[in-house]
Amino acid sequence: MAMKKIKKGDRVVVLAGKDKGKQGDVLKVLDNGKVLIENVNMVKKHVRPNPNRGENGGIIDQEAPMDASNVAIFNPTTGKADRVGFKILEDNRKVRVFKSNGEVVDV
């Protein structure tokens, strides 16, 4: 399994679409190359009541998946969105690095 450029828990900035410019944390990375971001790409979902599970019906707001190509990782040192590359350290660990300043993403 190849290392992904975006992981769960990353702070990302949306580059394209109706939520362009918004920031949020990645809740989940899906296998099809899409990501779920907290409070970004919100959609209304109509839910049927299910008494067995104790769910009330109605309309709920929830995050919809967004393509990973439309987001970039937020670089705290520059305060802007940044692209990500990979680098192998002396101890043979593969880490993600910011392209702008070469700093390691993974803390």
PDB file of N, CA and C in Angstrom:
ATOM      1  N   MET A   1       0.856  -1.194   0.000  1.00  0.00           N
ATOM      2  CA  MET A   1       0.000   0.000   0.000  1.00  0.00           C
ATOM      3  C   MET A   1       0.894   1.247   0.000  1.00  0.00           C
ATOM      4  N   ALA A   2       0.710   2.078  -0.996  1.00  0.00           N
ATOM      5  CA  ALA A   2       1.520   3.290  -1.117  1.00  0.00           C
ATOM      6  C   ALA A   2       1.109   4.300  -0.052  1.00  0.00           C
ATOM      7  N   MET A   3       2.036   5.145   0.332  1.00  0.00           N
ATOM      8  CA  MET A   3       1.758   6.184   1.321  1.00  0.00           C
ATOM      9  C   MET A   3       0.940   7.293   0.666  1.00  0.00           C
ATOM     10  N   LYS A   4      -0.101   7.731   1.363  1.00  0.00           N
ATOM     11  CA  LYS A   4      -0.964   8.773   0.815  1.00  0.00           C
ATOM     12  C   LYS A   4      -0.454  10.145   1.215  1.00  0.00           C
ATOM     13  N   LYS A   5      -0.736  11.134   0.361  1.00  0.00           N
ATOM     14  CA  LYS A   5      -0.304  12.495   0.664  1.00  0.00           C
ATOM     15  C   LYS A   5      -1.177  13.142   1.728  1.00  0.00           C
ATOM     16  N   ILE A   6      -2.437  12.700   1.824  1.00  0.00           N
ATOM     17  CA  ILE A   6      -3.355  13.260   2.819  1.00  0.00           C
ATOM     18  C   ILE A   6      -3.827  12.130   3.724  1.00  0.00           C
ATOM     19  N   LYS A   7      -3.780  12.379   5.037  1.00  0.00           N
ATOM     20  CA  LYS A   7      -4.165  11.360   6.006  1.00  0.00           C
ATOM     21  C   LYS A   7      -5.246  11.893   6.927  1.00  0.00           C
ATOM     22  N   LYS A   8      -5.867  10.980   7.667  1.00  0.00           N
ATOM     23  CA  LYS A   8      -6.862  11.357   8.663  1.00  0.00           C
ATOM     24  C   LYS A   8      -6.202  12.244   9.718  1.00  0.00           C
ATOM     25  N   GLY A   9      -6.896  13.314  10.095  1.00  0.00           N
ATOM     26  CA  GLY A   9      -6.364  14.211  11.120  1.00  0.00           C
ATOM     27  C   GLY A   9      -5.569  15.381  10.569  1.00  0.00           C
ATOM     28  N   ASP A  10      -5.266  15.353   9.264  1.00  0.00           N
ATOM     29  CA  ASP A  10      -4.528  16.473   8.667  1.00  0.00           C
ATOM     30  C   ASP A  10      -5.408  17.713   8.597  1.00  0.00           C
ATOM     31  N   ARG A  11      -4.794  18.878   8.751  1.00  0.00           N
ATOM     32  CA  ARG A  11      -5.500  20.153   8.548  1.00  0.00           C
ATOM     33  C   ARG A  11      -5.338  20.502   7.075  1.00  0.00           C
ATOM     34  N   VAL A  12      -6.462  20.686   6.377  1.00  0.00           N
ATOM     35  CA  VAL A  12      -6.388  20.948   4.942  1.00  0.00           C
ATOM     36  C   VAL A  12      -7.145  22.217   4.567  1.00  0.00           C
ATOM     37  N   VAL A  13      -6.802  22.764   3.397  1.00  0.00           N
ATOM     38  CA  VAL A  13      -7.463  23.935   2.827  1.00  0.00           C
ATOM     39  C   VAL A  13      -8.104  23.485   1.520  1.00  0.00           C
ATOM     40  N   VAL A  14      -9.360  23.902   1.294  1.00  0.00           N
ATOM     41  CA  VAL A  14     -10.052  23.540   0.058  1.00  0.00           C
ATOM     42  C   VAL A  14      -9.610  24.489  -1.055  1.00  0.00           C
ATOM     43  N   LEU A  15      -9.188  23.926  -2.189  1.00  0.00           N
ATOM     44  CA  LEU A  15      -8.666  24.712  -3.301  1.00  0.00           C
ATOM     45  C   LEU A  15      -9.721  25.017  -4.358  1.00  0.00           C
ATOM     46  N   ALA A  16     -10.759  24.174  -4.461  1.00  0.00           N
ATOM     47  CA  ALA A  16     -11.731  24.335  -5.545  1.00  0.00           C
ATOM     48  C   ALA A  16     -13.122  23.955  -5.063  1.00  0.00           C
ATOM     49  N   GLY A  17     -14.126  24.481  -5.760  1.00  0.00           N
ATOM     50  CA  GLY A  17     -15.507  24.135  -5.439  1.00  0.00           C
ATOM     51  C   GLY A  17     -16.198  25.204  -4.615  1.00  0.00           C
ATOM     52  N   LYS A  18     -17.412  24.872  -4.152  1.00  0.00           N
ATOM     53  CA  LYS A  18     -18.231  25.868  -3.455  1.00  0.00           C
ATOM     54  C   LYS A  18     -17.646  26.269  -2.106  1.00  0.00           C
ATOM     55  N   ASP A  19     -16.793  25.424  -1.529  1.00  0.00           N
ATOM     56  CA  ASP A  19     -16.207  25.715  -0.223  1.00  0.00           C
ATOM     57  C   ASP A  19     -14.751  26.168  -0.322  1.00  0.00           C
ATOM     58  N   LYS A  20     -14.368  26.698  -1.476  1.00  0.00           N
ATOM     59  CA  LYS A  20     -12.985  27.123  -1.703  1.00  0.00           C
ATOM     60  C   LYS A  20     -12.527  28.093  -0.613  1.00  0.00           C
ATOM     61  N   GLY A  21     -11.332  27.837  -0.061  1.00  0.00           N
ATOM     62  CA  GLY A  21     -10.771  28.705   0.973  1.00  0.00           C
ATOM     63  C   GLY A  21     -11.041  28.232   2.385  1.00  0.00           C
ATOM     64  N   LYS A  22     -12.003  27.327   2.566  1.00  0.00           N
ATOM     65  CA  LYS A  22     -12.311  26.850   3.914  1.00  0.00           C
ATOM     66  C   LYS A  22     -11.234  25.889   4.400  1.00  0.00           C
ATOM     67  N   GLN A  23     -11.082  25.852   5.726  1.00  0.00           N
ATOM     68  CA  GLN A  23     -10.145  24.906   6.343  1.00  0.00           C
ATOM     69  C   GLN A  23     -10.901  23.923   7.194  1.00  0.00           C
ATOM     70  N   GLY A  24     -10.334  22.741   7.350  1.00  0.00           N
ATOM     71  CA  GLY A  24     -10.947  21.742   8.212  1.00  0.00           C
ATOM     72  C   GLY A  24     -10.007  20.569   8.399  1.00  0.00           C
ATOM     73  N   ASP A  25     -10.379  19.699   9.352  1.00  0.00           N
ATOM     74  CA  ASP A  25      -9.583  18.501   9.598  1.00  0.00           C
ATOM     75  C   ASP A  25     -10.179  17.334   8.833  1.00  0.00           C
ATOM     76  N   VAL A  26      -9.313  16.462   8.321  1.00  0.00           N
ATOM     77  CA  VAL A  26      -9.773  15.294   7.577  1.00  0.00           C
ATOM     78  C   VAL A  26     -10.344  14.281   8.569  1.00  0.00           C
ATOM     79  N   LEU A  27     -11.620  13.913   8.366  1.00  0.00           N
ATOM     80  CA  LEU A  27     -12.263  12.935   9.231  1.00  0.00           C
ATOM     81  C   LEU A  27     -11.973  11.521   8.756  1.00  0.00           C
ATOM     82  N   LYS A  28     -11.909  11.350   7.412  1.00  0.00           N
ATOM     83  CA  LYS A  28     -11.764  10.010   6.850  1.00  0.00           C
ATOM     84  C   LYS A  28     -11.211  10.122   5.446  1.00  0.00           C
ATOM     85  N   VAL A  29     -10.349   9.174   5.066  1.00  0.00           N
ATOM     86  CA  VAL A  29      -9.863   9.085   3.696  1.00  0.00           C
ATOM     87  C   VAL A  29     -10.465   7.823   3.098  1.00  0.00           C
ATOM     88  N   LEU A  30     -11.223   7.986   2.013  1.00  0.00           N
ATOM     89  CA  LEU A  30     -11.892   6.844   1.388  1.00  0.00           C
ATOM     90  C   LEU A  30     -10.968   6.192   0.359  1.00  0.00           C
ATOM     91  N   ASP A  31     -11.261   4.925   0.037  1.00  0.00           N
ATOM     92  CA  ASP A  31     -10.420   4.170  -0.894  1.00  0.00           C
ATOM     93  C   ASP A  31     -10.468   4.722  -2.311  1.00  0.00           C
ATOM     94  N   ASN A  32     -11.562   5.405  -2.664  1.00  0.00           N
ATOM     95  CA  ASN A  32     -11.708   5.881  -4.041  1.00  0.00           C
ATOM     96  C   ASN A  32     -11.050   7.245  -4.276  1.00  0.00           C
ATOM     97  N   GLY A  33     -10.153   7.658  -3.380  1.00  0.00           N
ATOM     98  CA  GLY A  33      -9.422   8.905  -3.577  1.00  0.00           C
ATOM     99  C   GLY A  33     -10.180  10.133  -3.115  1.00  0.00           C
ATOM    100  N   LYS A  34     -11.211   9.933  -2.302  1.00  0.00           N
ATOM    101  CA  LYS A  34     -11.973  11.061  -1.785  1.00  0.00           C
ATOM    102  C   LYS A  34     -11.719  11.205  -0.289  1.00  0.00           C
ATOM    103  N   VAL A  35     -11.979  12.407   0.224  1.00  0.00           N
ATOM    104  CA  VAL A  35     -11.775  12.666   1.646  1.00  0.00           C
ATOM    105  C   VAL A  35     -13.031  13.309   2.234  1.00  0.00           C
ATOM    106  N   LEU A  36     -13.267  13.042   3.520  1.00  0.00           N
ATOM    107  CA  LEU A  36     -14.339  13.704   4.275  1.00  0.00           C
ATOM    108  C   LEU A  36     -13.669  14.733   5.159  1.00  0.00           C
ATOM    109  N   ILE A  37     -14.116  15.987   5.047  1.00  0.00           N
ATOM    110  CA  ILE A  37     -13.518  17.068   5.824  1.00  0.00           C
ATOM    111  C   ILE A  37     -14.570  17.662   6.743  1.00  0.00           C
ATOM    112  N   GLU A  38     -14.185  17.899   7.984  1.00  0.00           N
ATOM    113  CA  GLU A  38     -15.088  18.409   9.006  1.00  0.00           C
ATOM    114  C   GLU A  38     -15.688  19.753   8.598  1.00  0.00           C
ATOM    115  N   ASN A  39     -17.014  19.834   8.574  1.00  0.00           N
ATOM    116  CA  ASN A  39     -17.777  21.053   8.260  1.00  0.00           C
ATOM    117  C   ASN A  39     -17.491  21.643   6.886  1.00  0.00           C
ATOM    118  N   VAL A  40     -17.076  20.821   5.929  1.00  0.00           N
ATOM    119  CA  VAL A  40     -16.839  21.270   4.561  1.00  0.00           C
ATOM    120  C   VAL A  40     -17.637  20.366   3.624  1.00  0.00           C
ATOM    121  N   ASN A  41     -18.180  20.961   2.541  1.00  0.00           N
ATOM    122  CA  ASN A  41     -18.986  20.228   1.563  1.00  0.00           C
ATOM    123  C   ASN A  41     -20.210  19.614   2.242  1.00  0.00           C
ATOM    124  N   MET A  42     -20.905  20.440   3.031  1.00  0.00           N
ATOM    125  CA  MET A  42     -22.077  19.962   3.765  1.00  0.00           C
ATOM    126  C   MET A  42     -23.252  19.776   2.819  1.00  0.00           C
ATOM    127  N   VAL A  43     -23.976  18.671   2.999  1.00  0.00           N
ATOM    128  CA  VAL A  43     -25.182  18.403   2.212  1.00  0.00           C
ATOM    129  C   VAL A  43     -26.312  18.055   3.171  1.00  0.00           C
ATOM    130  N   LYS A  44     -27.543  18.283   2.713  1.00  0.00           N
ATOM    131  CA  LYS A  44     -28.706  17.918   3.509  1.00  0.00           C
ATOM    132  C   LYS A  44     -29.113  16.511   3.120  1.00  0.00           C
ATOM    133  N   LYS A  45     -29.300  15.639   4.122  1.00  0.00           N
ATOM    134  CA  LYS A  45     -29.700  14.271   3.851  1.00  0.00           C
ATOM    135  C   LYS A  45     -31.029  14.018   4.524  1.00  0.00           C
ATOM    136  N   HIS A  46     -31.965  13.481   3.757  1.00  0.00           N
ATOM    137  CA  HIS A  46     -33.283  13.162   4.279  1.00  0.00           C
ATOM    138  C   HIS A  46     -33.231  11.770   4.884  1.00  0.00           C
ATOM    139  N   VAL A  47     -33.562  11.681   6.194  1.00  0.00           N
ATOM    140  CA  VAL A  47     -33.420  10.422   6.918  1.00  0.00           C
ATOM    141  C   VAL A  47     -34.789   9.921   7.353  1.00  0.00           C
ATOM    142  N   ARG A  48     -35.039   8.643   7.086  1.00  0.00           N
ATOM    143  CA  ARG A  48     -36.292   8.033   7.551  1.00  0.00           C
ATOM    144  C   ARG A  48     -36.142   7.685   9.022  1.00  0.00           C
ATOM    145  N   PRO A  49     -37.241   7.769   9.766  1.00  0.00           N
ATOM    146  CA  PRO A  49     -37.154   7.337  11.163  1.00  0.00           C
ATOM    147  C   PRO A  49     -36.972   5.824  11.230  1.00  0.00           C
ATOM    148  N   ASN A  50     -36.122   5.370  12.144  1.00  0.00           N
ATOM    149  CA  ASN A  50     -35.938   3.940  12.362  1.00  0.00           C
ATOM    150  C   ASN A  50     -36.063   3.668  13.858  1.00  0.00           C
ATOM    151  N   PRO A  51     -37.251   3.212  14.277  1.00  0.00           N
ATOM    152  CA  PRO A  51     -37.485   3.009  15.717  1.00  0.00           C
ATOM    153  C   PRO A  51     -36.539   1.959  16.325  1.00  0.00           C
ATOM    154  N   ASN A  52     -36.129   0.979  15.523  1.00  0.00           N
ATOM    155  CA  ASN A  52     -35.244  -0.069  16.048  1.00  0.00           C
ATOM    156  C   ASN A  52     -33.911   0.499  16.508  1.00  0.00           C
ATOM    157  N   ARG A  53     -33.396   1.477  15.763  1.00  0.00           N
ATOM    158  CA  ARG A  53     -32.118   2.078  16.123  1.00  0.00           C
ATOM    159  C   ARG A  53     -32.306   3.374  16.907  1.00  0.00           C
ATOM    160  N   GLY A  54     -33.552   3.737  17.145  1.00  0.00           N
ATOM    161  CA  GLY A  54     -33.824   4.955  17.904  1.00  0.00           C
ATOM    162  C   GLY A  54     -33.506   6.218  17.134  1.00  0.00           C
ATOM    163  N   GLU A  55     -33.588   6.174  15.793  1.00  0.00           N
ATOM    164  CA  GLU A  55     -33.307   7.355  14.983  1.00  0.00           C
ATOM    165  C   GLU A  55     -34.585   8.118  14.702  1.00  0.00           C
ATOM    166  N   ASN A  56     -34.508   9.447  14.833  1.00  0.00           N
ATOM    167  CA  ASN A  56     -35.622  10.288  14.420  1.00  0.00           C
ATOM    168  C   ASN A  56     -35.461  10.596  12.946  1.00  0.00           C
ATOM    169  N   GLY A  57     -36.585  10.753  12.261  1.00  0.00           N
ATOM    170  CA  GLY A  57     -36.521  11.139  10.856  1.00  0.00           C
ATOM    171  C   GLY A  57     -36.264  12.628  10.752  1.00  0.00           C
ATOM    172  N   GLY A  58     -36.131  13.111   9.517  1.00  0.00           N
ATOM    173  CA  GLY A  58     -35.940  14.532   9.310  1.00  0.00           C
ATOM    174  C   GLY A  58     -34.796  14.785   8.353  1.00  0.00           C
ATOM    175  N   ILE A  59     -34.360  16.031   8.318  1.00  0.00           N
ATOM    176  CA  ILE A  59     -33.291  16.422   7.409  1.00  0.00           C
ATOM    177  C   ILE A  59     -32.066  16.757   8.249  1.00  0.00           C
ATOM    178  N   ILE A  60     -30.964  16.051   7.974  1.00  0.00           N
ATOM    179  CA  ILE A  60     -29.736  16.314   8.732  1.00  0.00           C
ATOM    180  C   ILE A  60     -28.669  16.865   7.794  1.00  0.00           C
ATOM    181  N   ASP A  61     -27.762  17.661   8.374  1.00  0.00           N
ATOM    182  CA  ASP A  61     -26.608  18.153   7.619  1.00  0.00           C
ATOM    183  C   ASP A  61     -25.466  17.188   7.848  1.00  0.00           C
ATOM    184  N   GLN A  62     -24.789  16.787   6.774  1.00  0.00           N
ATOM    185  CA  GLN A  62     -23.617  15.942   6.944  1.00  0.00           C
ATOM    186  C   GLN A  62     -22.588  16.240   5.871  1.00  0.00           C
ATOM    187  N   GLU A  63     -21.353  15.831   6.142  1.00  0.00           N
ATOM    188  CA  GLU A  63     -20.274  16.061   5.187  1.00  0.00           C
ATOM    189  C   GLU A  63     -20.380  15.075   4.033  1.00  0.00           C
ATOM    190  N   ALA A  64     -20.155  15.568   2.817  1.00  0.00           N
ATOM    191  CA  ALA A  64     -20.107  14.691   1.656  1.00  0.00           C
ATOM    192  C   ALA A  64     -18.641  14.544   1.248  1.00  0.00           C
ATOM    193  N   PRO A  65     -18.282  13.401   0.641  1.00  0.00           N
ATOM    194  CA  PRO A  65     -16.888  13.222   0.228  1.00  0.00           C
ATOM    195  C   PRO A  65     -16.488  14.237  -0.831  1.00  0.00           C
ATOM    196  N   MET A  66     -15.233  14.629  -0.805  1.00  0.00           N
ATOM    197  CA  MET A  66     -14.692  15.586  -1.768  1.00  0.00           C
ATOM    198  C   MET A  66     -13.410  14.986  -2.322  1.00  0.00           C
ATOM    199  N   ASP A  67     -13.133  15.227  -3.599  1.00  0.00           N
ATOM    200  CA  ASP A  67     -11.940  14.630  -4.193  1.00  0.00           C
ATOM    201  C   ASP A  67     -10.676  15.180  -3.531  1.00  0.00           C
ATOM    202  N   ALA A  68      -9.731  14.305  -3.266  1.00  0.00           N
ATOM    203  CA  ALA A  68      -8.499  14.701  -2.573  1.00  0.00           C
ATOM    204  C   ALA A  68      -7.685  15.704  -3.383  1.00  0.00           C
ATOM    205  N   SER A  69      -7.892  15.726  -4.716  1.00  0.00           N
ATOM    206  CA  SER A  69      -7.134  16.664  -5.543  1.00  0.00           C
ATOM    207  C   SER A  69      -7.588  18.101  -5.318  1.00  0.00           C
ATOM    208  N   ASN A  70      -8.757  18.286  -4.710  1.00  0.00           N
ATOM    209  CA  ASN A  70      -9.277  19.629  -4.474  1.00  0.00           C
ATOM    210  C   ASN A  70      -8.884  20.199  -3.119  1.00  0.00           C
ATOM    211  N   VAL A  71      -8.041  19.493  -2.374  1.00  0.00           N
ATOM    212  CA  VAL A  71      -7.586  20.007  -1.091  1.00  0.00           C
ATOM    213  C   VAL A  71      -6.065  19.955  -1.027  1.00  0.00           C
ATOM    214  N   ALA A  72      -5.491  20.821  -0.205  1.00  0.00           N
ATOM    215  CA  ALA A  72      -4.051  20.811   0.023  1.00  0.00           C
ATOM    216  C   ALA A  72      -3.814  20.941   1.521  1.00  0.00           C
ATOM    217  N   ILE A  73      -2.728  20.368   1.970  1.00  0.00           N
ATOM    218  CA  ILE A  73      -2.410  20.407   3.399  1.00  0.00           C
ATOM    219  C   ILE A  73      -2.023  21.820   3.813  1.00  0.00           C
ATOM    220  N   PHE A  74      -2.499  22.222   4.995  1.00  0.00           N
ATOM    221  CA  PHE A  74      -2.194  23.548   5.535  1.00  0.00           C
ATOM    222  C   PHE A  74      -0.810  23.506   6.185  1.00  0.00           C
ATOM    223  N   ASN A  75       0.039  24.443   5.778  1.00  0.00           N
ATOM    224  CA  ASN A  75       1.389  24.534   6.341  1.00  0.00           C
ATOM    225  C   ASN A  75       1.388  25.612   7.428  1.00  0.00           C
ATOM    226  N   PRO A  76       1.524  25.213   8.712  1.00  0.00           N
ATOM    227  CA  PRO A  76       1.440  26.196   9.797  1.00  0.00           C
ATOM    228  C   PRO A  76       2.546  27.243   9.769  1.00  0.00           C
ATOM    229  N   THR A  77       3.725  26.907   9.271  1.00  0.00           N
ATOM    230  CA  THR A  77       4.823  27.879   9.286  1.00  0.00           C
ATOM    231  C   THR A  77       4.602  28.994   8.276  1.00  0.00           C
ATOM    232  N   THR A  78       4.072  28.660   7.083  1.00  0.00           N
ATOM    233  CA  THR A  78       3.821  29.700   6.092  1.00  0.00           C
ATOM    234  C   THR A  78       2.418  30.267   6.227  1.00  0.00           C
ATOM    235  N   GLY A  79       1.519  29.503   6.884  1.00  0.00           N
ATOM    236  CA  GLY A  79       0.128  29.941   7.035  1.00  0.00           C
ATOM    237  C   GLY A  79      -0.679  29.791   5.765  1.00  0.00           C
ATOM    238  N   LYS A  80      -0.177  28.983   4.813  1.00  0.00           N
ATOM    239  CA  LYS A  80      -0.869  28.800   3.540  1.00  0.00           C
ATOM    240  C   LYS A  80      -0.993  27.319   3.212  1.00  0.00           C
ATOM    241  N   ALA A  81      -1.767  27.028   2.174  1.00  0.00           N
ATOM    242  CA  ALA A  81      -1.868  25.654   1.685  1.00  0.00           C
ATOM    243  C   ALA A  81      -0.545  25.290   1.018  1.00  0.00           C
ATOM    244  N   ASP A  82      -0.200  24.008   1.085  1.00  0.00           N
ATOM    245  CA  ASP A  82       1.077  23.590   0.529  1.00  0.00           C
ATOM    246  C   ASP A  82       0.954  22.214  -0.109  1.00  0.00           C
ATOM    247  N   ARG A  83       1.825  21.978  -1.104  1.00  0.00           N
ATOM    248  CA  ARG A  83       1.878  20.662  -1.726  1.00  0.00           C
ATOM    249  C   ARG A  83       2.770  19.757  -0.887  1.00  0.00           C
ATOM    250  N   VAL A  84       2.620  18.451  -1.089  1.00  0.00           N
ATOM    251  CA  VAL A  84       3.333  17.486  -0.266  1.00  0.00           C
ATOM    252  C   VAL A  84       4.173  16.578  -1.145  1.00  0.00           C
ATOM    253  N   GLY A  85       5.404  16.322  -0.689  1.00  0.00           N
ATOM    254  CA  GLY A  85       6.262  15.356  -1.355  1.00  0.00           C
ATOM    255  C   GLY A  85       6.722  14.332  -0.342  1.00  0.00           C
ATOM    256  N   PHE A  86       7.546  13.398  -0.787  1.00  0.00           N
ATOM    257  CA  PHE A  86       8.042  12.364   0.109  1.00  0.00           C
ATOM    258  C   PHE A  86       9.563  12.402   0.154  1.00  0.00           C
ATOM    259  N   LYS A  87      10.109  11.936   1.276  1.00  0.00           N
ATOM    260  CA  LYS A  87      11.550  11.948   1.469  1.00  0.00           C
ATOM    261  C   LYS A  87      11.894  10.764   2.365  1.00  0.00           C
ATOM    262  N   ILE A  88      13.021  10.157   2.111  1.00  0.00           N
ATOM    263  CA  ILE A  88      13.447   9.051   2.963  1.00  0.00           C
ATOM    264  C   ILE A  88      14.583   9.561   3.849  1.00  0.00           C
ATOM    265  N   LEU A  89      14.382   9.422   5.168  1.00  0.00           N
ATOM    266  CA  LEU A  89      15.359   9.925   6.133  1.00  0.00           C
ATOM    267  C   LEU A  89      16.530   8.958   6.271  1.00  0.00           C
ATOM    268  N   GLU A  90      17.553   9.362   7.055  1.00  0.00           N
ATOM    269  CA  GLU A  90      18.745   8.522   7.234  1.00  0.00           C
ATOM    270  C   GLU A  90      18.394   7.163   7.837  1.00  0.00           C
ATOM    271  N   ASP A  91      17.378   7.151   8.729  1.00  0.00           N
ATOM    272  CA  ASP A  91      17.012   5.869   9.357  1.00  0.00           C
ATOM    273  C   ASP A  91      16.001   5.092   8.503  1.00  0.00           C
ATOM    274  N   ASN A  92      15.988   5.387   7.196  1.00  0.00           N
ATOM    275  CA  ASN A  92      15.147   4.676   6.210  1.00  0.00           C
ATOM    276  C   ASN A  92      13.653   4.805   6.461  1.00  0.00           C
ATOM    277  N   ARG A  93      13.231   5.867   7.171  1.00  0.00           N
ATOM    278  CA  ARG A  93      11.798   6.121   7.325  1.00  0.00           C
ATOM    279  C   ARG A  93      11.349   7.014   6.187  1.00  0.00           C
ATOM    280  N   LYS A  94      10.169   6.718   5.624  1.00  0.00           N
ATOM    281  CA  LYS A  94       9.608   7.557   4.561  1.00  0.00           C
ATOM    282  C   LYS A  94       8.665   8.551   5.222  1.00  0.00           C
ATOM    283  N   VAL A  95       8.883   9.841   4.983  1.00  0.00           N
ATOM    284  CA  VAL A  95       8.048  10.867   5.610  1.00  0.00           C
ATOM    285  C   VAL A  95       7.513  11.820   4.552  1.00  0.00           C
ATOM    286  N   ARG A  96       6.429  12.493   4.910  1.00  0.00           N
ATOM    287  CA  ARG A  96       5.867  13.524   4.030  1.00  0.00           C
ATOM    288  C   ARG A  96       6.532  14.850   4.357  1.00  0.00           C
ATOM    289  N   VAL A  97       6.866  15.618   3.320  1.00  0.00           N
ATOM    290  CA  VAL A  97       7.486  16.931   3.528  1.00  0.00           C
ATOM    291  C   VAL A  97       6.729  17.977   2.727  1.00  0.00           C
ATOM    292  N   PHE A  98       6.730  19.220   3.245  1.00  0.00           N
ATOM    293  CA  PHE A  98       6.142  20.332   2.508  1.00  0.00           C
ATOM    294  C   PHE A  98       7.068  20.698   1.370  1.00  0.00           C
ATOM    295  N   LYS A  99       6.508  20.968   0.179  1.00  0.00           N
ATOM    296  CA  LYS A  99       7.323  21.302  -0.987  1.00  0.00           C
ATOM    297  C   LYS A  99       7.954  22.688  -0.850  1.00  0.00           C
ATOM    298  N   SER A 100       7.269  23.623  -0.170  1.00  0.00           N
ATOM    299  CA  SER A 100       7.756  25.002  -0.143  1.00  0.00           C
ATOM    300  C   SER A 100       9.026  25.154   0.687  1.00  0.00           C
ATOM    301  N   ASN A 101       9.056  24.522   1.871  1.00  0.00           N
ATOM    302  CA  ASN A 101      10.227  24.718   2.730  1.00  0.00           C
ATOM    303  C   ASN A 101      10.909  23.411   3.123  1.00  0.00           C
ATOM    304  N   GLY A 102      10.418  22.277   2.638  1.00  0.00           N
ATOM    305  CA  GLY A 102      11.065  20.992   2.907  1.00  0.00           C
ATOM    306  C   GLY A 102      10.918  20.495   4.324  1.00  0.00           C
ATOM    307  N   GLU A 103      10.052  21.138   5.139  1.00  0.00           N
ATOM    308  CA  GLU A 103       9.859  20.678   6.508  1.00  0.00           C
ATOM    309  C   GLU A 103       9.027  19.397   6.522  1.00  0.00           C
ATOM    310  N   VAL A 104       9.263  18.559   7.523  1.00  0.00           N
ATOM    311  CA  VAL A 104       8.543  17.289   7.634  1.00  0.00           C
ATOM    312  C   VAL A 104       7.120  17.551   8.147  1.00  0.00           C
ATOM    313  N   VAL A 105       6.129  16.956   7.479  1.00  0.00           N
ATOM    314  CA  VAL A 105       4.729  17.130   7.870  1.00  0.00           C
ATOM    315  C   VAL A 105       4.434  16.326   9.123  1.00  0.00           C
ATOM    316  N   ASP A 106       4.840  15.054   9.109  1.00  0.00           N
ATOM    317  CA  ASP A 106       4.498  14.152  10.216  1.00  0.00           C
ATOM    318  C   ASP A 106       5.319  14.523  11.444  1.00  0.00           C
ATOM    319  N   VAL A 107       4.613  14.808  12.520  1.00  0.00           N
ATOM    320  CA  VAL A 107       5.305  15.241  13.739  1.00  0.00           C
ATOM    321  C   VAL A 107       5.663  14.021  14.574  1.00  0.00           C
TER     322      VAL A 107
END
